Amino acid sequence: MRRYPDRGMHGRVVDGVGLRVVRGELVPGDTLDMDALAVEFDVSRTAIREALKVLAGKGLIDARPKRGTFVRERRAWNLIDPDVLRWQFEAFTDPSMLEKLAEIRAMVEPSAAALAARRRTGEDLAEMEAALADMERADPADESIVDADLRFHRALIAATHNELVEQLAVVIEIGLQARDRYVHGHRVSIKRGYEWHRDVAEAVRDQDAEGARNRMLALLDEATRDVRRLGGGRAAAEAAEASGGEAADVSAGGPAAGSAAAGGVR
C-alpha cells in the first residue's frame, strides 16, 4: 500500500494532518483553517479540500454549516483504515496498540494457517520457502529482516485462497511491520524467529491443519513475549501479570516456548 506522501500534493496534506490528529496535536473540536493549511503545505485550496475529504472518509474530521471543518472524537475514527492504523503506530501514543495487534493476530492467523494447510499449492509453498530463505540470510541490522517476515506472512495468508482473509491481512501487515521495527530496533535475536516460522511452514507443507494452527499460536505467543520482554507498553505488562506469564498451548510441536533467549521476527 502506498503511503499518502507518495500520492501527490493532497497526499502530503492527508498524511501531515492525519498524523497530527492521531498524535493529539489536533484535538476533538479543533477547527481546521483551510487557508492556513494551504499556506503551510504550499498547496492550493483545491488540494486542501481533496485532502480533507479523504480525512473525513476516515472519520477523523467532519464539516458542518457555520461551524466549519473540525476534528472528530476518537470513537468516530475508522481505526482499521490502513492509513489511520499506520498513523497510530507511527505516533505510538497508545502503547497498548501492540497488545491489541496481538489479539487481532490471535483471532486471524492461526485459522488462516490451518486453512492454508488445506489449500496450499506448490506455488504457495515455493513462496513461503523463498520468504524463509530471505529470513535466514537477512541482516538483523537493516530492514531486510522486516521485509522477509512480512513476505512470509503474506505468503501464508495468500495460501488460504480466501480474498476476505487477504483483506483482513492488511490490518495485520501494517501492525506487524510496526512491531517488527520496534523489536528489531532493540536488536532482538532473529534465529529463534526463523525456527518458529519454519515449523509453521512445515505443518502447512504436510497439510497438517491442526498442527499449523497450533504452531502459529505458539509463534504468536512468543511474539507477545518478545514485546513484553522489551517493556512494550503498560497494557502488555498488565496482560502478562494477569495471565501469570503462562504461554499458549504449544503441545503440537515446535520450539519450546518461554526461552528467555528467544526473540526476533514473529
Protein backbone atom coordinates (compact mmCIF):
# COMPACT_ATOMS: atom_id res chain seq x y z
CA MET A 1 0.00 0.00 0.00
CA ARG A 2 1.38 3.41 -0.99
CA ARG A 3 1.90 5.94 1.76
CA TYR A 4 -0.04 9.14 1.34
CA PRO A 5 3.03 11.37 0.86
CA ASP A 6 3.60 9.40 -2.37
CA ARG A 7 0.18 10.37 -3.72
CA GLY A 8 0.78 13.95 -4.83
CA MET A 9 0.24 17.33 -3.23
CA HIS A 10 -3.01 16.49 -1.48
CA GLY A 11 -1.37 13.30 -0.22
CA ARG A 12 1.17 15.30 1.78
CA VAL A 13 -1.69 17.13 3.45
CA VAL A 14 -3.60 13.94 4.22
CA ASP A 15 -0.53 12.40 5.82
CA GLY A 16 0.50 15.54 7.70
CA VAL A 17 -2.90 16.45 9.11
CA GLY A 18 -3.91 12.83 9.76
CA LEU A 19 -0.79 12.20 11.81
CA ARG A 20 -1.38 15.37 13.83
CA VAL A 21 -4.90 14.27 14.69
CA VAL A 22 -3.76 10.81 15.77
CA ARG A 23 -0.89 12.25 17.81
CA GLY A 24 -3.30 14.54 19.61
CA GLU A 25 -1.73 17.73 18.29
CA LEU A 26 -5.19 18.49 16.92
CA VAL A 27 -7.83 17.52 19.48
CA PRO A 28 -11.54 16.80 19.08
CA GLY A 29 -13.43 20.00 18.40
CA ASP A 30 -10.45 21.88 16.94
CA THR A 31 -11.36 23.77 13.77
CA LEU A 32 -9.17 23.44 10.69
CA ASP A 33 -8.31 26.64 8.82
CA MET A 34 -8.17 25.79 5.11
CA ASP A 35 -6.32 28.99 4.19
CA ALA A 36 -3.69 28.44 6.87
CA LEU A 37 -3.19 24.83 5.75
CA ALA A 38 -2.84 25.91 2.12
CA VAL A 39 -0.06 28.32 3.12
CA GLU A 40 1.66 25.83 5.44
CA PHE A 41 1.75 23.00 2.92
CA ASP A 42 2.23 25.34 -0.06
CA VAL A 43 -0.66 23.83 -1.99
CA SER A 44 -3.88 25.12 -3.50
CA ARG A 45 -7.20 25.27 -1.68
CA THR A 46 -8.34 22.56 -4.10
CA ALA A 47 -5.64 20.23 -2.80
CA ILE A 48 -6.66 21.06 0.77
CA ARG A 49 -10.31 20.33 0.02
CA GLU A 50 -9.40 16.97 -1.56
CA ALA A 51 -7.26 16.07 1.44
CA LEU A 52 -9.97 16.97 3.92
CA LYS A 53 -12.47 14.83 2.00
CA VAL A 54 -10.14 11.87 2.41
CA LEU A 55 -9.73 12.52 6.14
CA ALA A 56 -13.49 12.87 6.53
CA GLY A 57 -13.92 9.49 4.87
CA LYS A 58 -11.61 8.03 7.51
CA GLY A 59 -13.72 9.54 10.27
CA LEU A 60 -11.02 11.90 11.57
CA ILE A 61 -12.78 15.14 10.67
CA ASP A 62 -16.21 16.44 9.76
CA ALA A 63 -17.70 19.66 8.40
CA ARG A 64 -20.87 21.46 9.42
CA PRO A 65 -22.51 24.67 8.22
CA LYS A 66 -21.49 27.68 10.33
CA ARG A 67 -19.05 25.52 12.29
CA GLY A 68 -16.58 24.69 9.55
CA THR A 69 -14.26 21.69 9.44
CA PHE A 70 -13.38 20.19 12.81
CA VAL A 71 -11.63 17.19 14.38
CA ARG A 72 -13.86 14.33 15.49
CA GLU A 73 -13.57 12.25 18.65
CA ARG A 74 -11.60 9.02 18.51
CA ARG A 75 -14.68 6.80 18.65
CA ALA A 76 -15.69 8.17 15.23
CA TRP A 77 -12.38 7.18 13.57
CA ASN A 78 -12.14 4.22 11.26
CA LEU A 79 -9.45 2.59 13.39
CA ILE A 80 -8.78 -0.25 10.94
CA ASP A 81 -8.39 2.03 7.93
CA PRO A 82 -4.84 1.25 6.70
CA ASP A 83 -3.69 4.87 6.95
CA VAL A 84 -5.28 5.50 10.35
CA LEU A 85 -3.72 2.30 11.62
CA ARG A 86 -0.31 3.26 10.23
CA TRP A 87 -0.55 6.72 11.83
CA GLN A 88 -1.38 5.13 15.18
CA PHE A 89 1.78 3.05 15.07
CA GLU A 90 3.89 5.95 13.82
CA ALA A 91 2.59 8.20 16.57
CA PHE A 92 2.76 5.38 19.15
CA THR A 93 0.81 7.46 21.66
CA ASP A 94 -1.01 4.32 22.81
CA PRO A 95 1.46 1.55 23.80
CA SER A 96 -1.45 -0.87 24.14
CA MET A 97 -1.69 -0.90 20.32
CA LEU A 98 0.89 -3.70 20.25
CA GLU A 99 -1.26 -5.74 22.62
CA LYS A 100 -4.34 -5.03 20.51
CA LEU A 101 -2.42 -6.18 17.43
CA ALA A 102 -1.53 -9.41 19.22
CA GLU A 103 -5.21 -10.01 19.95
CA ILE A 104 -6.19 -9.46 16.30
CA ARG A 105 -3.43 -11.77 15.10
CA ALA A 106 -4.53 -14.48 17.53
CA MET A 107 -8.04 -14.29 16.09
CA VAL A 108 -6.99 -14.48 12.44
CA GLU A 109 -3.61 -16.06 11.81
CA PRO A 110 -3.98 -19.50 13.47
CA SER A 111 -7.18 -20.16 11.49
CA ALA A 112 -5.51 -18.80 8.37
CA ALA A 113 -2.59 -21.19 8.88
CA ALA A 114 -5.00 -24.13 9.20
CA LEU A 115 -6.83 -23.06 6.04
CA ALA A 116 -3.53 -22.64 4.20
CA ALA A 117 -2.55 -26.20 5.17
CA ARG A 118 -5.70 -27.49 3.49
CA ARG A 119 -5.50 -25.35 0.36
CA ARG A 120 -1.84 -24.59 -0.30
CA THR A 121 -0.46 -25.14 -3.78
CA GLY A 122 3.06 -25.81 -4.94
CA GLU A 123 3.42 -22.14 -5.78
CA ASP A 124 2.32 -21.16 -2.28
CA LEU A 125 4.92 -23.45 -0.73
CA ALA A 126 7.62 -22.08 -3.01
CA GLU A 127 6.83 -18.52 -1.92
CA MET A 128 6.94 -19.48 1.76
CA GLU A 129 10.27 -21.20 1.23
CA ALA A 130 11.62 -18.11 -0.54
CA ALA A 131 10.49 -15.97 2.39
CA LEU A 132 12.19 -18.32 4.84
CA ALA A 133 15.38 -18.16 2.79
CA ASP A 134 15.22 -14.35 2.90
CA MET A 135 14.70 -14.52 6.65
CA GLU A 136 17.63 -16.86 7.19
CA ARG A 137 20.11 -14.65 5.35
CA ALA A 138 18.66 -11.27 6.40
CA ASP A 139 20.81 -8.74 8.19
CA PRO A 140 19.12 -8.02 11.54
CA ALA A 141 20.57 -4.51 11.45
CA ASP A 142 18.50 -3.35 8.48
CA GLU A 143 15.01 -3.54 7.00
CA SER A 144 15.67 -6.83 5.20
CA ILE A 145 14.56 -8.88 8.19
CA VAL A 146 11.29 -6.93 8.44
CA ASP A 147 10.69 -7.39 4.71
CA ALA A 148 11.36 -11.13 4.96
CA ASP A 149 8.95 -11.52 7.88
CA LEU A 150 6.22 -9.64 6.03
CA ARG A 151 6.83 -11.74 2.92
CA PHE A 152 6.29 -14.94 4.90
CA HIS A 153 3.04 -13.78 6.47
CA ARG A 154 1.75 -12.51 3.10
CA ALA A 155 2.55 -15.89 1.55
CA LEU A 156 0.76 -17.73 4.34
CA ILE A 157 -2.36 -15.58 4.02
CA ALA A 158 -2.32 -15.91 0.22
CA ALA A 159 -2.25 -19.69 0.62
CA THR A 160 -5.73 -19.54 2.18
CA HIS A 161 -7.08 -18.56 -1.24
CA ASN A 162 -9.75 -16.52 0.53
CA GLU A 163 -9.91 -12.91 -0.62
CA LEU A 164 -11.74 -11.78 2.52
CA VAL A 165 -8.96 -13.15 4.72
CA GLU A 166 -6.49 -11.33 2.49
CA GLN A 167 -8.34 -8.07 3.14
CA LEU A 168 -8.14 -8.64 6.89
CA ALA A 169 -4.43 -9.25 6.49
CA VAL A 170 -3.89 -5.61 5.51
CA VAL A 171 -4.57 -4.65 9.12
CA ILE A 172 -2.20 -7.31 10.40
CA GLU A 173 0.53 -6.39 7.97
CA ILE A 174 0.71 -2.72 8.97
CA GLY A 175 0.79 -3.58 12.65
CA LEU A 176 3.26 -6.40 12.11
CA GLN A 177 5.61 -4.07 10.29
CA ALA A 178 5.48 -1.60 13.18
CA ARG A 179 6.01 -4.38 15.72
CA ASP A 180 8.96 -5.82 13.81
CA ARG A 181 10.65 -2.45 13.65
CA TYR A 182 10.13 -1.98 17.37
CA VAL A 183 11.56 -5.39 18.21
CA HIS A 184 14.50 -5.22 15.80
CA GLY A 185 15.26 -1.69 16.90
CA HIS A 186 16.21 -3.34 20.20
CA ARG A 187 18.46 -5.88 18.42
CA VAL A 188 16.47 -8.94 19.42
CA SER A 189 17.96 -12.15 18.01
CA ILE A 190 16.34 -13.41 14.79
CA LYS A 191 17.48 -17.03 14.90
CA ARG A 192 14.63 -18.36 17.00
CA GLY A 193 12.11 -16.39 14.96
CA TYR A 194 13.26 -18.24 11.85
CA GLU A 195 12.75 -21.60 13.57
CA TRP A 196 9.19 -20.75 14.61
CA HIS A 197 8.30 -19.73 11.06
CA ARG A 198 9.93 -22.87 9.67
CA ASP A 199 7.74 -25.00 11.94
CA VAL A 200 4.58 -23.33 10.66
CA ALA A 201 5.70 -23.78 7.04
CA GLU A 202 6.40 -27.47 7.60
CA ALA A 203 2.92 -28.07 9.01
CA VAL A 204 1.39 -26.25 6.02
CA ARG A 205 3.53 -28.31 3.65
CA ASP A 206 2.42 -31.55 5.33
CA GLN A 207 -1.22 -30.43 5.12
CA ASP A 208 -1.43 -30.74 8.90
CA ALA A 209 -4.15 -28.17 9.56
CA GLU A 210 -4.29 -28.61 13.33
CA GLY A 211 -0.51 -28.61 13.57
CA ALA A 212 -0.33 -25.40 11.52
CA ARG A 213 -2.93 -23.80 13.78
CA ASN A 214 -1.13 -24.76 16.99
CA ARG A 215 2.31 -23.82 15.72
CA MET A 216 1.04 -20.42 14.67
CA LEU A 217 -0.48 -19.99 18.13
CA ALA A 218 2.91 -20.84 19.62
CA LEU A 219 4.63 -18.36 17.31
CA LEU A 220 2.20 -15.61 18.30
CA ASP A 221 2.60 -16.39 21.97
CA GLU A 222 6.35 -15.97 21.64
CA ALA A 223 5.86 -12.75 19.66
CA THR A 224 3.92 -11.34 22.60
CA ARG A 225 6.71 -12.41 24.92
CA ASP A 226 9.22 -10.51 22.76
CA VAL A 227 7.31 -7.26 23.26
CA ARG A 228 6.79 -7.87 26.97
CA ARG A 229 10.50 -8.56 27.47
CA LEU A 230 11.23 -5.22 25.86
CA GLY A 231 8.67 -3.42 28.01
CA GLY A 232 6.28 -2.85 25.12
CA GLY A 233 3.72 -0.82 26.99
CA ARG A 234 1.85 -0.87 30.26
CA ALA A 235 -1.02 -2.86 28.75
CA ALA A 236 1.35 -5.62 27.70
CA ALA A 237 2.86 -5.78 31.17
CA GLU A 238 -0.56 -5.86 32.80
CA ALA A 239 -1.67 -8.64 30.47
CA ALA A 240 1.42 -10.64 31.30
CA GLU A 241 0.79 -10.24 35.04
CA ALA A 242 -2.89 -11.10 34.69
CA SER A 243 -2.08 -14.28 32.78
CA GLY A 244 0.58 -15.29 35.29
CA GLY A 245 3.09 -15.32 32.46
CA GLU A 246 1.63 -18.51 31.07
CA ALA A 247 2.22 -19.27 27.39
CA ALA A 248 -0.32 -20.63 24.95
CA ASP A 249 -0.54 -24.37 24.47
CA VAL A 250 2.32 -25.47 22.21
CA SER A 251 1.81 -29.19 22.52
CA ALA A 252 1.55 -29.57 18.77
CA GLY A 253 5.29 -29.33 18.44
CA GLY A 254 7.92 -26.77 17.51
CA PRO A 255 10.45 -24.99 19.70
CA ALA A 256 9.62 -24.84 23.38
CA ALA A 257 8.01 -21.56 24.40
CA GLY A 258 9.33 -19.31 27.10
CA SER A 259 13.04 -19.33 26.38
CA ALA A 260 14.49 -16.11 27.72
CA ALA A 261 16.88 -16.03 24.77
CA ALA A 262 14.16 -16.35 22.18
CA GLY A 263 13.11 -13.43 20.07
CA GLY A 264 13.10 -11.95 16.63
CA VAL A 265 10.59 -11.92 13.82
CA ARG A 266 7.19 -13.40 14.53
